[in-house]
Amino acid sequence: MSKRKDAKDRDRVVYSEFGNNSNSAAFERAIQELPPSQQKIRVQSSRKGRKGKTVTIVSGFQSKPETLTKLLKQLKGLCGAGGTVKEMTLEIQGDHREKIIDKLNQLGYNAR
């Protein structure tokens, strides 16, 4: 007998408590997408935990991650700075509170 196993034998799942993982969309949490006028957005600047560098934090979104990435791209272009999406909040490098509040109000968000 050969000790070498076929590829399909090595990839075979022996035990899985919650069924197969091929349908990962079923395990994701549904996010309720609210219209921009019903969302209360908070814009603040922070330096905490960032080695003294100022970051503008935009929080309070109730929308899909795809919507947040599109909005982040617009805001980064407006400010001429980098940024990221972290846990339903947008972080943009630098202190750009006034610009961001004006842009979000133009887009229909209730930003303060």
C-alpha atoms as a PDB file:
ATOM      1  CA  MET A   1       0.000   0.000   0.000  1.00  0.00           C
ATOM      2  CA  SER A   2       1.085   3.534  -0.715  1.00  0.00           C
ATOM      3  CA  LYS A   3       1.232   6.092   2.096  1.00  0.00           C
ATOM      4  CA  ARG A   4       0.639   8.898  -0.354  1.00  0.00           C
ATOM      5  CA  LYS A   5      -2.945  10.171  -0.231  1.00  0.00           C
ATOM      6  CA  ASP A   6      -4.891  11.670  -3.040  1.00  0.00           C
ATOM      7  CA  ALA A   7      -5.624  15.406  -2.977  1.00  0.00           C
ATOM      8  CA  LYS A   8      -9.327  14.840  -2.533  1.00  0.00           C
ATOM      9  CA  ASP A   9      -8.704  12.707   0.578  1.00  0.00           C
ATOM     10  CA  ARG A  10      -6.636  15.468   2.229  1.00  0.00           C
ATOM     11  CA  ASP A  11      -9.226  18.195   1.576  1.00  0.00           C
ATOM     12  CA  ARG A  12     -12.121  16.175   2.869  1.00  0.00           C
ATOM     13  CA  VAL A  13     -13.944  17.530   5.949  1.00  0.00           C
ATOM     14  CA  VAL A  14     -14.220  14.943   8.684  1.00  0.00           C
ATOM     15  CA  TYR A  15     -16.475  16.880  11.058  1.00  0.00           C
ATOM     16  CA  SER A  16     -18.238  20.213  10.868  1.00  0.00           C
ATOM     17  CA  GLU A  17     -20.514  21.404  13.647  1.00  0.00           C
ATOM     18  CA  PHE A  18     -22.484  23.971  11.670  1.00  0.00           C
ATOM     19  CA  GLY A  19     -22.668  22.370   8.258  1.00  0.00           C
ATOM     20  CA  ASN A  20     -20.567  23.340   5.287  1.00  0.00           C
ATOM     21  CA  ASN A  21     -18.913  26.733   4.997  1.00  0.00           C
ATOM     22  CA  SER A  22     -19.578  27.043   1.284  1.00  0.00           C
ATOM     23  CA  ASN A  23     -22.573  29.325   1.948  1.00  0.00           C
ATOM     24  CA  SER A  24     -20.823  31.978   4.039  1.00  0.00           C
ATOM     25  CA  ALA A  25     -23.426  34.597   3.049  1.00  0.00           C
ATOM     26  CA  ALA A  26     -25.922  32.816   5.296  1.00  0.00           C
ATOM     27  CA  PHE A  27     -23.706  33.451   8.327  1.00  0.00           C
ATOM     28  CA  GLU A  28     -23.232  37.182   7.697  1.00  0.00           C
ATOM     29  CA  ARG A  29     -25.310  39.647   9.651  1.00  0.00           C
ATOM     30  CA  ALA A  30     -27.899  41.586   7.706  1.00  0.00           C
ATOM     31  CA  ILE A  31     -27.317  45.332   7.834  1.00  0.00           C
ATOM     32  CA  GLN A  32     -30.321  47.584   7.517  1.00  0.00           C
ATOM     33  CA  GLU A  33     -29.587  50.295   4.973  1.00  0.00           C
ATOM     34  CA  LEU A  34     -31.177  53.582   6.017  1.00  0.00           C
ATOM     35  CA  PRO A  35     -31.536  56.561   3.695  1.00  0.00           C
ATOM     36  CA  PRO A  36     -28.934  59.303   4.314  1.00  0.00           C
ATOM     37  CA  SER A  37     -31.501  61.729   5.774  1.00  0.00           C
ATOM     38  CA  GLN A  38     -32.349  59.273   8.595  1.00  0.00           C
ATOM     39  CA  GLN A  39     -28.745  58.643   9.642  1.00  0.00           C
ATOM     40  CA  LYS A  40     -27.175  60.724  12.403  1.00  0.00           C
ATOM     41  CA  ILE A  41     -23.518  61.093  11.501  1.00  0.00           C
ATOM     42  CA  ARG A  42     -20.912  62.325  13.975  1.00  0.00           C
ATOM     43  CA  VAL A  43     -17.665  63.898  12.745  1.00  0.00           C
ATOM     44  CA  GLN A  44     -14.809  64.346  15.209  1.00  0.00           C
ATOM     45  CA  SER A  45     -11.033  64.564  15.196  1.00  0.00           C
ATOM     46  CA  SER A  46      -8.834  62.416  17.376  1.00  0.00           C
ATOM     47  CA  ARG A  47      -5.167  61.784  18.109  1.00  0.00           C
ATOM     48  CA  LYS A  48      -5.599  59.064  20.685  1.00  0.00           C
ATOM     49  CA  GLY A  49      -3.542  55.947  19.970  1.00  0.00           C
ATOM     50  CA  ARG A  50      -2.094  57.309  16.729  1.00  0.00           C
ATOM     51  CA  LYS A  51       1.323  58.546  17.875  1.00  0.00           C
ATOM     52  CA  GLY A  52       0.260  62.204  17.802  1.00  0.00           C
ATOM     53  CA  LYS A  53      -1.172  62.174  14.283  1.00  0.00           C
ATOM     54  CA  THR A  54      -4.615  63.728  13.827  1.00  0.00           C
ATOM     55  CA  VAL A  55      -7.367  61.659  12.232  1.00  0.00           C
ATOM     56  CA  THR A  56     -10.929  62.719  11.393  1.00  0.00           C
ATOM     57  CA  ILE A  57     -13.401  60.036  12.471  1.00  0.00           C
ATOM     58  CA  VAL A  58     -16.838  59.849  10.821  1.00  0.00           C
ATOM     59  CA  SER A  59     -19.188  57.476  12.672  1.00  0.00           C
ATOM     60  CA  GLY A  60     -22.875  56.613  12.999  1.00  0.00           C
ATOM     61  CA  PHE A  61     -23.438  54.972   9.629  1.00  0.00           C
ATOM     62  CA  GLN A  62     -26.121  52.352   9.107  1.00  0.00           C
ATOM     63  CA  SER A  63     -25.334  51.225   5.611  1.00  0.00           C
ATOM     64  CA  LYS A  64     -23.614  48.471   3.677  1.00  0.00           C
ATOM     65  CA  PRO A  65     -19.800  48.296   3.494  1.00  0.00           C
ATOM     66  CA  GLU A  66     -19.939  48.906  -0.268  1.00  0.00           C
ATOM     67  CA  THR A  67     -21.713  52.221   0.321  1.00  0.00           C
ATOM     68  CA  LEU A  68     -19.118  53.216   2.914  1.00  0.00           C
ATOM     69  CA  THR A  69     -16.207  52.491   0.586  1.00  0.00           C
ATOM     70  CA  LYS A  70     -17.782  54.649  -2.156  1.00  0.00           C
ATOM     71  CA  LEU A  71     -18.348  57.480   0.319  1.00  0.00           C
ATOM     72  CA  LEU A  72     -14.803  57.134   1.668  1.00  0.00           C
ATOM     73  CA  LYS A  73     -13.408  57.476  -1.845  1.00  0.00           C
ATOM     74  CA  GLN A  74     -15.354  60.728  -2.328  1.00  0.00           C
ATOM     75  CA  LEU A  75     -14.221  62.153   1.010  1.00  0.00           C
ATOM     76  CA  LYS A  76     -10.578  61.183   0.477  1.00  0.00           C
ATOM     77  CA  GLY A  77     -10.629  62.922  -2.901  1.00  0.00           C
ATOM     78  CA  LEU A  78     -12.206  66.007  -1.360  1.00  0.00           C
ATOM     79  CA  CYS A  79      -9.627  66.228   1.427  1.00  0.00           C
ATOM     80  CA  GLY A  80      -6.627  65.043  -0.580  1.00  0.00           C
ATOM     81  CA  ALA A  81      -5.752  62.562   2.155  1.00  0.00           C
ATOM     82  CA  GLY A  82      -5.699  58.848   2.853  1.00  0.00           C
ATOM     83  CA  GLY A  83      -8.250  56.973   4.873  1.00  0.00           C
ATOM     84  CA  THR A  84      -9.847  53.659   5.748  1.00  0.00           C
ATOM     85  CA  VAL A  85     -13.076  51.984   6.836  1.00  0.00           C
ATOM     86  CA  LYS A  86     -12.903  50.390  10.294  1.00  0.00           C
ATOM     87  CA  GLU A  87     -15.950  48.802  11.921  1.00  0.00           C
ATOM     88  CA  MET A  88     -18.607  50.979  10.233  1.00  0.00           C
ATOM     89  CA  THR A  89     -16.589  54.191  10.781  1.00  0.00           C
ATOM     90  CA  LEU A  90     -14.514  56.178   8.332  1.00  0.00           C
ATOM     91  CA  GLU A  91     -11.054  57.398   9.317  1.00  0.00           C
ATOM     92  CA  ILE A  92      -9.485  60.129   7.203  1.00  0.00           C
ATOM     93  CA  GLN A  93      -5.953  61.357   7.836  1.00  0.00           C
ATOM     94  CA  GLY A  94      -5.730  64.948   9.039  1.00  0.00           C
ATOM     95  CA  ASP A  95      -8.209  67.399  10.547  1.00  0.00           C
ATOM     96  CA  HIS A  96     -10.882  67.960   7.871  1.00  0.00           C
ATOM     97  CA  ARG A  97     -14.030  68.298   9.999  1.00  0.00           C
ATOM     98  CA  GLU A  98     -15.524  71.351   8.260  1.00  0.00           C
ATOM     99  CA  LYS A  99     -14.993  70.023   4.727  1.00  0.00           C
ATOM    100  CA  ILE A 100     -16.443  66.629   5.610  1.00  0.00           C
ATOM    101  CA  ILE A 101     -19.497  68.067   7.400  1.00  0.00           C
ATOM    102  CA  ASP A 102     -20.250  70.317   4.411  1.00  0.00           C
ATOM    103  CA  LYS A 103     -19.904  67.451   1.923  1.00  0.00           C
ATOM    104  CA  LEU A 104     -22.043  65.058   3.985  1.00  0.00           C
ATOM    105  CA  ASN A 105     -24.777  67.700   4.325  1.00  0.00           C
ATOM    106  CA  GLN A 106     -24.710  68.178   0.541  1.00  0.00           C
ATOM    107  CA  LEU A 107     -25.147  64.417   0.111  1.00  0.00           C
ATOM    108  CA  GLY A 108     -28.199  64.467   2.400  1.00  0.00           C
ATOM    109  CA  TYR A 109     -26.674  63.088   5.611  1.00  0.00           C
ATOM    110  CA  ASN A 110     -27.500  64.655   8.983  1.00  0.00           C
ATOM    111  CA  ALA A 111     -23.913  65.396  10.027  1.00  0.00           C
ATOM    112  CA  ARG A 112     -22.761  67.346  13.048  1.00  0.00           C
END
